[in-house]
C-alpha atoms as a PDB file:
ATOM      1  CA  MET A   1     111.800 -62.849 -51.813  1.00  0.00           C
ATOM      2  CA  ASN A   2     110.343 -65.465 -54.129  1.00  0.00           C
ATOM      3  CA  PRO A   3     110.428 -68.989 -52.676  1.00  0.00           C
ATOM      4  CA  ASN A   4     110.972 -71.934 -54.958  1.00  0.00           C
ATOM      5  CA  LEU A   5     111.980 -70.265 -58.200  1.00  0.00           C
ATOM      6  CA  ARG A   6     112.477 -73.387 -60.295  1.00  0.00           C
ATOM      7  CA  THR A   7     115.844 -72.997 -61.974  1.00  0.00           C
ATOM      8  CA  LEU A   8     117.332 -74.730 -64.997  1.00  0.00           C
ATOM      9  CA  LEU A   9     121.082 -74.877 -65.670  1.00  0.00           C
ATOM     10  CA  VAL A  10     122.117 -75.217 -69.319  1.00  0.00           C
ATOM     11  CA  ASP A  11     125.757 -75.593 -70.333  1.00  0.00           C
ATOM     12  CA  ASP A  12     127.654 -78.167 -72.360  1.00  0.00           C
ATOM     13  CA  GLU A  13     130.554 -77.963 -69.882  1.00  0.00           C
ATOM     14  CA  PRO A  14     129.939 -80.060 -66.733  1.00  0.00           C
ATOM     15  CA  LEU A  15     132.401 -77.963 -64.731  1.00  0.00           C
ATOM     16  CA  ALA A  16     130.549 -74.784 -65.668  1.00  0.00           C
ATOM     17  CA  ARG A  17     127.247 -76.263 -64.484  1.00  0.00           C
ATOM     18  CA  SER A  18     128.937 -77.450 -61.317  1.00  0.00           C
ATOM     19  CA  LEU A  19     130.229 -73.965 -60.531  1.00  0.00           C
ATOM     20  CA  VAL A  20     126.798 -72.375 -61.049  1.00  0.00           C
ATOM     21  CA  ARG A  21     125.327 -75.084 -58.841  1.00  0.00           C
ATOM     22  CA  GLU A  22     127.839 -74.302 -56.077  1.00  0.00           C
ATOM     23  CA  LEU A  23     127.237 -70.562 -56.293  1.00  0.00           C
ATOM     24  CA  LEU A  24     123.456 -71.042 -56.170  1.00  0.00           C
ATOM     25  CA  ALA A  25     123.822 -72.961 -52.906  1.00  0.00           C
ATOM     26  CA  ASP A  26     123.896 -69.584 -51.150  1.00  0.00           C
ATOM     27  CA  PHE A  27     120.494 -68.667 -52.619  1.00  0.00           C
ATOM     28  CA  PRO A  28     117.975 -71.330 -51.559  1.00  0.00           C
ATOM     29  CA  ASP A  29     115.031 -69.505 -53.153  1.00  0.00           C
ATOM     30  CA  LEU A  30     116.505 -70.410 -56.557  1.00  0.00           C
ATOM     31  CA  ALA A  31     115.906 -74.148 -56.445  1.00  0.00           C
ATOM     32  CA  ILE A  32     117.762 -76.116 -59.113  1.00  0.00           C
ATOM     33  CA  ALA A  33     115.072 -78.229 -60.758  1.00  0.00           C
ATOM     34  CA  GLY A  34     117.019 -79.457 -63.784  1.00  0.00           C
ATOM     35  CA  GLU A  35     120.247 -79.438 -65.765  1.00  0.00           C
ATOM     36  CA  CYS A  36     120.836 -79.817 -69.484  1.00  0.00           C
ATOM     37  CA  PRO A  37     124.134 -80.449 -71.315  1.00  0.00           C
ATOM     38  CA  ASN A  38     122.981 -79.107 -74.692  1.00  0.00           C
ATOM     39  CA  GLY A  39     120.484 -76.884 -76.431  1.00  0.00           C
ATOM     40  CA  THR A  40     118.254 -79.694 -77.674  1.00  0.00           C
ATOM     41  CA  GLU A  41     117.574 -80.983 -74.179  1.00  0.00           C
ATOM     42  CA  ALA A  42     117.190 -77.427 -72.901  1.00  0.00           C
ATOM     43  CA  LEU A  43     114.518 -76.714 -75.508  1.00  0.00           C
ATOM     44  CA  ALA A  44     112.582 -79.816 -74.496  1.00  0.00           C
ATOM     45  CA  ALA A  45     112.843 -78.897 -70.826  1.00  0.00           C
ATOM     46  CA  LEU A  46     111.755 -75.305 -71.318  1.00  0.00           C
ATOM     47  CA  GLN A  47     108.850 -76.343 -73.538  1.00  0.00           C
ATOM     48  CA  THR A  48     107.275 -77.896 -70.437  1.00  0.00           C
ATOM     49  CA  GLY A  49     106.932 -74.426 -68.919  1.00  0.00           C
ATOM     50  CA  ALA A  50     108.124 -75.847 -65.620  1.00  0.00           C
ATOM     51  CA  TYR A  51     110.973 -73.369 -65.022  1.00  0.00           C
ATOM     52  CA  ASP A  52     110.990 -69.828 -63.705  1.00  0.00           C
ATOM     53  CA  VAL A  53     114.681 -69.084 -64.282  1.00  0.00           C
ATOM     54  CA  VAL A  54     117.299 -70.414 -66.677  1.00  0.00           C
ATOM     55  CA  PHE A  55     121.056 -69.902 -66.590  1.00  0.00           C
ATOM     56  CA  LEU A  56     121.715 -70.364 -70.295  1.00  0.00           C
ATOM     57  CA  ASP A  57     125.054 -70.857 -72.022  1.00  0.00           C
ATOM     58  CA  VAL A  58     125.299 -69.018 -75.338  1.00  0.00           C
ATOM     59  CA  GLN A  59     127.725 -71.189 -77.268  1.00  0.00           C
ATOM     60  CA  MET A  60     126.747 -74.851 -77.494  1.00  0.00           C
ATOM     61  CA  PRO A  61     127.465 -77.356 -80.273  1.00  0.00           C
ATOM     62  CA  ASP A  62     123.912 -78.202 -81.369  1.00  0.00           C
ATOM     63  CA  LEU A  63     121.539 -75.346 -80.598  1.00  0.00           C
ATOM     64  CA  ASP A  64     123.067 -72.226 -79.105  1.00  0.00           C
ATOM     65  CA  GLY A  65     121.307 -70.448 -76.283  1.00  0.00           C
ATOM     66  CA  VAL A  66     119.694 -67.825 -78.485  1.00  0.00           C
ATOM     67  CA  GLN A  67     118.391 -70.457 -80.914  1.00  0.00           C
ATOM     68  CA  VAL A  68     116.751 -72.259 -77.999  1.00  0.00           C
ATOM     69  CA  LEU A  69     114.901 -69.087 -77.075  1.00  0.00           C
ATOM     70  CA  GLN A  70     114.058 -68.372 -80.710  1.00  0.00           C
ATOM     71  CA  ARG A  71     112.257 -71.693 -81.004  1.00  0.00           C
ATOM     72  CA  LEU A  72     110.370 -71.144 -77.767  1.00  0.00           C
ATOM     73  CA  GLN A  73     109.297 -67.706 -78.923  1.00  0.00           C
ATOM     74  CA  ALA A  74     108.286 -68.999 -82.369  1.00  0.00           C
ATOM     75  CA  ALA A  75     106.072 -71.565 -80.657  1.00  0.00           C
ATOM     76  CA  GLY A  76     104.384 -68.802 -78.679  1.00  0.00           C
ATOM     77  CA  GLN A  77     105.600 -70.112 -75.342  1.00  0.00           C
ATOM     78  CA  PRO A  78     106.329 -67.766 -72.445  1.00  0.00           C
ATOM     79  CA  LEU A  79     109.987 -67.229 -71.732  1.00  0.00           C
ATOM     80  CA  PRO A  80     111.439 -67.708 -68.260  1.00  0.00           C
ATOM     81  CA  LEU A  81     113.722 -65.201 -66.591  1.00  0.00           C
ATOM     82  CA  VAL A  82     116.958 -65.637 -68.563  1.00  0.00           C
ATOM     83  CA  VAL A  83     120.536 -65.159 -67.440  1.00  0.00           C
ATOM     84  CA  PHE A  84     123.017 -65.591 -70.273  1.00  0.00           C
ATOM     85  CA  VAL A  85     126.272 -67.280 -69.338  1.00  0.00           C
ATOM     86  CA  THR A  86     128.833 -66.451 -71.972  1.00  0.00           C
ATOM     87  CA  ALA A  87     132.445 -66.140 -72.993  1.00  0.00           C
ATOM     88  CA  TYR A  88     131.442 -63.761 -75.803  1.00  0.00           C
ATOM     89  CA  ASP A  89     133.394 -60.563 -76.229  1.00  0.00           C
ATOM     90  CA  GLN A  90     132.141 -57.359 -74.709  1.00  0.00           C
ATOM     91  CA  TYR A  91     130.164 -56.251 -77.767  1.00  0.00           C
ATOM     92  CA  ALA A  92     127.890 -59.275 -77.680  1.00  0.00           C
ATOM     93  CA  VAL A  93     127.626 -59.017 -73.909  1.00  0.00           C
ATOM     94  CA  ALA A  94     126.467 -55.408 -74.215  1.00  0.00           C
ATOM     95  CA  ALA A  95     123.726 -56.513 -76.612  1.00  0.00           C
ATOM     96  CA  PHE A  96     122.548 -59.258 -74.272  1.00  0.00           C
ATOM     97  CA  ALA A  97     122.447 -56.829 -71.356  1.00  0.00           C
ATOM     98  CA  LEU A  98     119.789 -54.763 -73.126  1.00  0.00           C
ATOM     99  CA  HIS A  99     117.307 -57.632 -73.095  1.00  0.00           C
ATOM    100  CA  ALA A 100     118.112 -60.370 -70.590  1.00  0.00           C
ATOM    101  CA  VAL A 101     117.724 -60.103 -66.840  1.00  0.00           C
ATOM    102  CA  ASP A 102     121.508 -60.217 -66.739  1.00  0.00           C
ATOM    103  CA  TYR A 103     124.592 -61.836 -68.209  1.00  0.00           C
ATOM    104  CA  LEU A 104     127.551 -63.543 -66.599  1.00  0.00           C
ATOM    105  CA  LEU A 105     131.002 -63.720 -68.084  1.00  0.00           C
ATOM    106  CA  LYS A 106     133.091 -66.821 -67.728  1.00  0.00           C
ATOM    107  CA  PRO A 107     135.014 -67.344 -65.506  1.00  0.00           C
ATOM    108  CA  LEU A 108     132.290 -66.575 -62.998  1.00  0.00           C
ATOM    109  CA  ASP A 109     132.997 -64.082 -60.244  1.00  0.00           C
ATOM    110  CA  PRO A 110     131.141 -64.821 -56.952  1.00  0.00           C
ATOM    111  CA  ASP A 111     130.383 -61.169 -56.214  1.00  0.00           C
ATOM    112  CA  ARG A 112     129.124 -60.571 -59.742  1.00  0.00           C
ATOM    113  CA  PHE A 113     127.046 -63.753 -59.485  1.00  0.00           C
ATOM    114  CA  ALA A 114     125.433 -62.517 -56.252  1.00  0.00           C
ATOM    115  CA  GLU A 115     124.563 -59.247 -57.946  1.00  0.00           C
ATOM    116  CA  CYS A 116     122.985 -61.185 -60.809  1.00  0.00           C
ATOM    117  CA  VAL A 117     120.871 -63.276 -58.441  1.00  0.00           C
ATOM    118  CA  ARG A 118     119.583 -60.123 -56.763  1.00  0.00           C
ATOM    119  CA  ARG A 119     118.415 -58.908 -60.165  1.00  0.00           C
ATOM    120  CA  VAL A 120     116.642 -62.184 -60.819  1.00  0.00           C
ATOM    121  CA  GLN A 121     114.950 -62.002 -57.424  1.00  0.00           C
ATOM    122  CA  GLN A 122     113.850 -58.433 -58.057  1.00  0.00           C
ATOM    123  CA  GLN A 123     112.444 -59.266 -61.494  1.00  0.00           C
ATOM    124  CA  ALA A 124     110.529 -62.207 -60.089  1.00  0.00           C
ATOM    125  CA  SER A 125     109.162 -60.252 -57.122  1.00  0.00           C
ATOM    126  CA  GLN A 126     107.915 -57.470 -59.371  1.00  0.00           C
ATOM    127  CA  HIS A 127     106.229 -59.900 -61.763  1.00  0.00           C
ATOM    128  CA  GLN A 128     108.006 -58.455 -64.780  1.00  0.00           C
ATOM    129  CA  SER A 129     108.276 -61.662 -66.762  1.00  0.00           C
ATOM    130  CA  GLN A 130     105.874 -60.438 -69.440  1.00  0.00           C
ATOM    131  CA  ALA A 131     107.897 -57.271 -70.102  1.00  0.00           C
ATOM    132  CA  LEU A 132     111.096 -59.304 -70.138  1.00  0.00           C
ATOM    133  CA  GLY A 133     109.595 -61.656 -72.706  1.00  0.00           C
ATOM    134  CA  ALA A 134     108.888 -58.736 -75.019  1.00  0.00           C
ATOM    135  CA  ASP A 135     112.486 -57.530 -74.690  1.00  0.00           C
ATOM    136  CA  LEU A 136     113.855 -60.989 -75.367  1.00  0.00           C
ATOM    137  CA  ALA A 137     111.628 -61.355 -78.397  1.00  0.00           C
ATOM    138  CA  ALA A 138     113.242 -58.207 -79.810  1.00  0.00           C
ATOM    139  CA  LEU A 139     116.662 -59.741 -79.260  1.00  0.00           C
ATOM    140  CA  LEU A 140     115.667 -62.968 -80.980  1.00  0.00           C
ATOM    141  CA  ARG A 141     114.314 -61.126 -84.028  1.00  0.00           C
ATOM    142  CA  ALA A 142     117.583 -59.211 -84.286  1.00  0.00           C
ATOM    143  CA  TRP A 143     119.822 -62.254 -83.971  1.00  0.00           C
ATOM    144  CA  PRO A 144     121.553 -62.977 -87.309  1.00  0.00           C
ATOM    145  CA  ALA A 145     120.476 -66.109 -89.119  1.00  0.00           C
ATOM    146  CA  ALA A 146     124.069 -67.153 -89.707  1.00  0.00           C
ATOM    147  CA  ALA A 147     125.380 -69.159 -86.769  1.00  0.00           C
ATOM    148  CA  GLY A 148     128.321 -67.760 -84.900  1.00  0.00           C
ATOM    149  CA  LEU A 149     127.763 -64.075 -85.738  1.00  0.00           C
ATOM    150  CA  ALA A 150     127.428 -61.603 -82.896  1.00  0.00           C
ATOM    151  CA  PRO A 151     124.179 -59.628 -82.821  1.00  0.00           C
ATOM    152  CA  THR A 152     124.192 -56.086 -84.118  1.00  0.00           C
ATOM    153  CA  LEU A 153     121.656 -54.273 -82.017  1.00  0.00           C
ATOM    154  CA  PRO A 154     121.470 -50.495 -81.797  1.00  0.00           C
ATOM    155  CA  ALA A 155     122.406 -49.093 -78.416  1.00  0.00           C
ATOM    156  CA  GLU A 156     122.602 -45.658 -76.892  1.00  0.00           C
ATOM    157  CA  TYR A 157     125.499 -45.234 -74.522  1.00  0.00           C
ATOM    158  CA  GLN A 158     126.099 -42.568 -71.915  1.00  0.00           C
ATOM    159  CA  ASP A 159     128.447 -39.926 -73.281  1.00  0.00           C
ATOM    160  CA  ARG A 160     128.698 -37.650 -70.237  1.00  0.00           C
ATOM    161  CA  PHE A 161     128.303 -37.602 -66.477  1.00  0.00           C
ATOM    162  CA  VAL A 162     126.694 -34.982 -64.264  1.00  0.00           C
ATOM    163  CA  VAL A 163     128.845 -33.990 -61.299  1.00  0.00           C
ATOM    164  CA  LYS A 164     126.851 -32.311 -58.531  1.00  0.00           C
ATOM    165  CA  GLN A 165     128.552 -29.948 -56.108  1.00  0.00           C
ATOM    166  CA  PRO A 166     126.972 -27.673 -53.466  1.00  0.00           C
ATOM    167  CA  GLU A 167     127.595 -24.568 -55.545  1.00  0.00           C
ATOM    168  CA  ARG A 168     127.213 -25.918 -59.074  1.00  0.00           C
ATOM    169  CA  GLN A 169     126.582 -28.855 -61.382  1.00  0.00           C
ATOM    170  CA  PHE A 170     128.575 -29.614 -64.511  1.00  0.00           C
ATOM    171  CA  PHE A 171     129.162 -32.234 -67.181  1.00  0.00           C
ATOM    172  CA  VAL A 172     132.218 -34.438 -67.540  1.00  0.00           C
ATOM    173  CA  PRO A 173     132.424 -36.032 -71.019  1.00  0.00           C
ATOM    174  CA  ALA A 174     132.833 -39.790 -70.870  1.00  0.00           C
ATOM    175  CA  ALA A 175     135.701 -39.535 -73.361  1.00  0.00           C
ATOM    176  CA  GLU A 176     137.693 -37.519 -70.807  1.00  0.00           C
ATOM    177  CA  VAL A 177     137.369 -40.116 -68.054  1.00  0.00           C
ATOM    178  CA  CYS A 178     140.497 -42.254 -67.676  1.00  0.00           C
ATOM    179  CA  TYR A 179     138.817 -44.704 -65.323  1.00  0.00           C
ATOM    180  CA  LEU A 180     135.916 -45.094 -62.903  1.00  0.00           C
ATOM    181  CA  GLU A 181     136.482 -46.374 -59.392  1.00  0.00           C
ATOM    182  CA  ALA A 182     133.854 -47.615 -56.958  1.00  0.00           C
ATOM    183  CA  THR A 183     133.930 -45.989 -53.521  1.00  0.00           C
ATOM    184  CA  GLY A 184     131.972 -46.548 -50.362  1.00  0.00           C
ATOM    185  CA  SER A 185     129.436 -43.896 -51.315  1.00  0.00           C
ATOM    186  CA  GLY A 186     129.375 -44.139 -55.099  1.00  0.00           C
ATOM    187  CA  VAL A 187     131.848 -43.768 -57.957  1.00  0.00           C
ATOM    188  CA  ARG A 188     134.862 -41.542 -58.514  1.00  0.00           C
ATOM    189  CA  LEU A 189     135.562 -40.371 -62.072  1.00  0.00           C
ATOM    190  CA  HIS A 190     139.281 -39.952 -62.695  1.00  0.00           C
ATOM    191  CA  THR A 191     140.186 -37.555 -65.497  1.00  0.00           C
ATOM    192  CA  ALA A 192     143.574 -36.187 -66.565  1.00  0.00           C
ATOM    193  CA  SER A 193     143.478 -33.443 -63.950  1.00  0.00           C
ATOM    194  CA  ALA A 194     140.858 -34.260 -61.307  1.00  0.00           C
ATOM    195  CA  ALA A 195     138.701 -36.854 -59.559  1.00  0.00           C
ATOM    196  CA  HIS A 196     134.953 -36.220 -59.408  1.00  0.00           C
ATOM    197  CA  PRO A 197     132.524 -38.053 -57.091  1.00  0.00           C
ATOM    198  CA  VAL A 198     129.265 -39.314 -58.594  1.00  0.00           C
ATOM    199  CA  ARG A 199     126.472 -40.873 -56.557  1.00  0.00           C
ATOM    200  CA  ALA A 200     125.788 -44.028 -58.557  1.00  0.00           C
ATOM    201  CA  ALA A 201     126.595 -47.726 -58.548  1.00  0.00           C
ATOM    202  CA  LEU A 202     129.528 -48.777 -60.691  1.00  0.00           C
ATOM    203  CA  ALA A 203     127.603 -51.757 -62.071  1.00  0.00           C
ATOM    204  CA  GLN A 204     124.832 -49.466 -63.334  1.00  0.00           C
ATOM    205  CA  LEU A 205     127.260 -47.032 -64.943  1.00  0.00           C
ATOM    206  CA  ALA A 206     129.243 -49.861 -66.544  1.00  0.00           C
ATOM    207  CA  GLU A 207     126.124 -51.115 -68.323  1.00  0.00           C
ATOM    208  CA  ARG A 208     125.513 -47.671 -69.839  1.00  0.00           C
ATOM    209  CA  LEU A 209     129.053 -47.123 -71.136  1.00  0.00           C
ATOM    210  CA  ASP A 210     130.124 -47.920 -74.692  1.00  0.00           C
ATOM    211  CA  PRO A 211     132.007 -51.249 -74.584  1.00  0.00           C
ATOM    212  CA  ALA A 212     134.019 -50.097 -77.593  1.00  0.00           C
ATOM    213  CA  HIS A 213     135.830 -47.745 -75.208  1.00  0.00           C
ATOM    214  CA  PHE A 214     135.218 -48.925 -71.644  1.00  0.00           C
ATOM    215  CA  LEU A 215     136.358 -52.191 -70.094  1.00  0.00           C
ATOM    216  CA  ARG A 216     135.601 -53.529 -66.627  1.00  0.00           C
ATOM    217  CA  ILE A 217     138.815 -54.986 -65.222  1.00  0.00           C
ATOM    218  CA  HIS A 218     137.813 -55.330 -61.583  1.00  0.00           C
ATOM    219  CA  ARG A 219     134.545 -55.312 -59.668  1.00  0.00           C
ATOM    220  CA  SER A 220     135.592 -51.832 -58.487  1.00  0.00           C
ATOM    221  CA  VAL A 221     137.245 -50.457 -61.640  1.00  0.00           C
ATOM    222  CA  VAL A 222     136.196 -49.661 -65.225  1.00  0.00           C
ATOM    223  CA  ILE A 223     138.872 -48.207 -67.496  1.00  0.00           C
ATOM    224  CA  ASN A 224     138.644 -46.118 -70.652  1.00  0.00           C
ATOM    225  CA  THR A 225     140.775 -48.157 -73.049  1.00  0.00           C
ATOM    226  CA  ASP A 226     141.553 -45.027 -75.083  1.00  0.00           C
ATOM    227  CA  HIS A 227     143.533 -43.758 -72.086  1.00  0.00           C
ATOM    228  CA  ILE A 228     145.739 -46.831 -71.595  1.00  0.00           C
ATOM    229  CA  VAL A 229     149.406 -45.832 -71.934  1.00  0.00           C
ATOM    230  CA  GLU A 230     150.959 -49.189 -71.101  1.00  0.00           C
ATOM    231  CA  PHE A 231     150.159 -52.450 -69.359  1.00  0.00           C
ATOM    232  CA  LYS A 232     151.955 -55.530 -68.103  1.00  0.00           C
ATOM    233  CA  SER A 233     151.280 -58.825 -66.414  1.00  0.00           C
ATOM    234  CA  TRP A 234     151.283 -58.432 -62.664  1.00  0.00           C
ATOM    235  CA  ALA A 235     151.248 -60.638 -59.597  1.00  0.00           C
ATOM    236  CA  HIS A 236     148.896 -63.615 -59.338  1.00  0.00           C
ATOM    237  CA  GLY A 237     147.773 -63.441 -62.973  1.00  0.00           C
ATOM    238  CA  GLU A 238     146.554 -59.852 -62.758  1.00  0.00           C
ATOM    239  CA  TYR A 239     147.323 -56.953 -65.098  1.00  0.00           C
ATOM    240  CA  LEU A 240     148.707 -53.530 -64.226  1.00  0.00           C
ATOM    241  CA  PHE A 241     147.559 -50.635 -66.423  1.00  0.00           C
ATOM    242  CA  ARG A 242     149.158 -47.204 -66.524  1.00  0.00           C
ATOM    243  CA  MET A 243     146.622 -44.612 -67.570  1.00  0.00           C
ATOM    244  CA  ALA A 244     147.098 -41.301 -69.373  1.00  0.00           C
ATOM    245  CA  ASN A 245     146.693 -39.370 -66.118  1.00  0.00           C
ATOM    246  CA  GLY A 246     149.765 -41.153 -64.715  1.00  0.00           C
ATOM    247  CA  GLN A 247     147.840 -43.360 -62.289  1.00  0.00           C
ATOM    248  CA  HIS A 248     148.036 -47.149 -62.170  1.00  0.00           C
ATOM    249  CA  VAL A 249     145.097 -49.539 -61.825  1.00  0.00           C
ATOM    250  CA  THR A 250     145.220 -53.280 -61.234  1.00  0.00           C
ATOM    251  CA  SER A 251     142.826 -55.853 -62.632  1.00  0.00           C
ATOM    252  CA  SER A 252     141.265 -58.843 -60.942  1.00  0.00           C
ATOM    253  CA  ARG A 253     141.845 -62.369 -62.209  1.00  0.00           C
ATOM    254  CA  SER A 254     138.071 -62.760 -62.477  1.00  0.00           C
ATOM    255  CA  TYR A 255     138.149 -60.409 -65.467  1.00  0.00           C
ATOM    256  CA  ASN A 256     141.126 -61.980 -67.269  1.00  0.00           C
ATOM    257  CA  THR A 257     138.968 -63.471 -70.017  1.00  0.00           C
ATOM    258  CA  VAL A 258     137.484 -60.098 -70.953  1.00  0.00           C
ATOM    259  CA  ILE A 259     140.877 -58.390 -70.766  1.00  0.00           C
ATOM    260  CA  GLN A 260     142.527 -61.020 -72.954  1.00  0.00           C
ATOM    261  CA  GLN A 261     139.731 -60.732 -75.510  1.00  0.00           C
ATOM    262  CA  PHE A 262     140.329 -56.990 -75.613  1.00  0.00           C
ATOM    263  CA  LEU A 263     144.079 -57.448 -76.051  1.00  0.00           C
ATOM    264  CA  LYS A 264     143.560 -59.913 -78.915  1.00  0.00           C
ATOM    265  CA  ARG A 265     142.362 -57.044 -81.064  1.00  0.00           C
ATOM    266  CA  PHE A 266     145.945 -55.803 -81.204  1.00  0.00           C
ATOM    267  CA  ALA A 267     147.730 -59.131 -81.597  1.00  0.00           C
END
C-alpha cells in the first residue's frame, strides 16, 4: 500500500467530482489534494508536479483531458498516474485502456471504481510511473489534432480462447461466443451449443476483446453484440437481451450509458 498518494480530481461537472470524492472516501491512501473544474486549471496544478494520481475527465470545454496531458508532455514534465473518466463510446475507451492506468465510464459503478483504485495502488507500489509515462506519450502523439475526434490507435484483440480440460485443450473462436459470464472461479464462455469454463478474470478478458463486437453490460457479463437476437427494456431501467443460443442476459443500470451508445448506432 502507498500512503498519501496525492490525488487531483478534474471534471467540469461538480456532481461528477463529488461522486469521485465520495467513492475515494473508502481508500484513505488516495488523499484528495486538489480539484479543478476545467483543463486550464488542471494544467496549472499538474505543472507543479505535486500530484501522484489524477482522475481526469476527457471532455471539457476549454482544454480536454488529453490536451492537458499533451502540454505536460511537450514541456517535458513527468506524468502522474492517470485515470480517464469519460462518457466516450467504447472505441475511444478501448484506446485509452491501452495507455492509461485505467478508465472509468460515467455513470460510475462502485465495484468498477474499486477495481480501478486497486490498479492505481498496484502501479504506485511497483514504481511503474516511468513506463506509464512512455505509454501515455504514445497516446498523446496519436491523438488527432482536430478537437472532438476519437483517437485511432492500432490494437490487437483476442480472437480465440483456450479451454483446458483434463484430457485435452482446445480453442474456442471469440466470434462463436455468445456471451461471457463471471463465475466464482473464473469465466464461463457460452456458445451456441455449450458452456466452457476458463480460468481468468472477466475484467481482464473484457479489455482484450474487440469493442466492435463485445459489450460489457454488467460487471459479470460481456455479450457478443453479433449474437443479439432481440432486446427490450426491463425492470428498474435494465435491459434484457435474448442471445442466439436462446439464453437471456440482463444488464445492470450502471452500464446503461454504454448500452445506449451502442444502440444509437442503429437509430
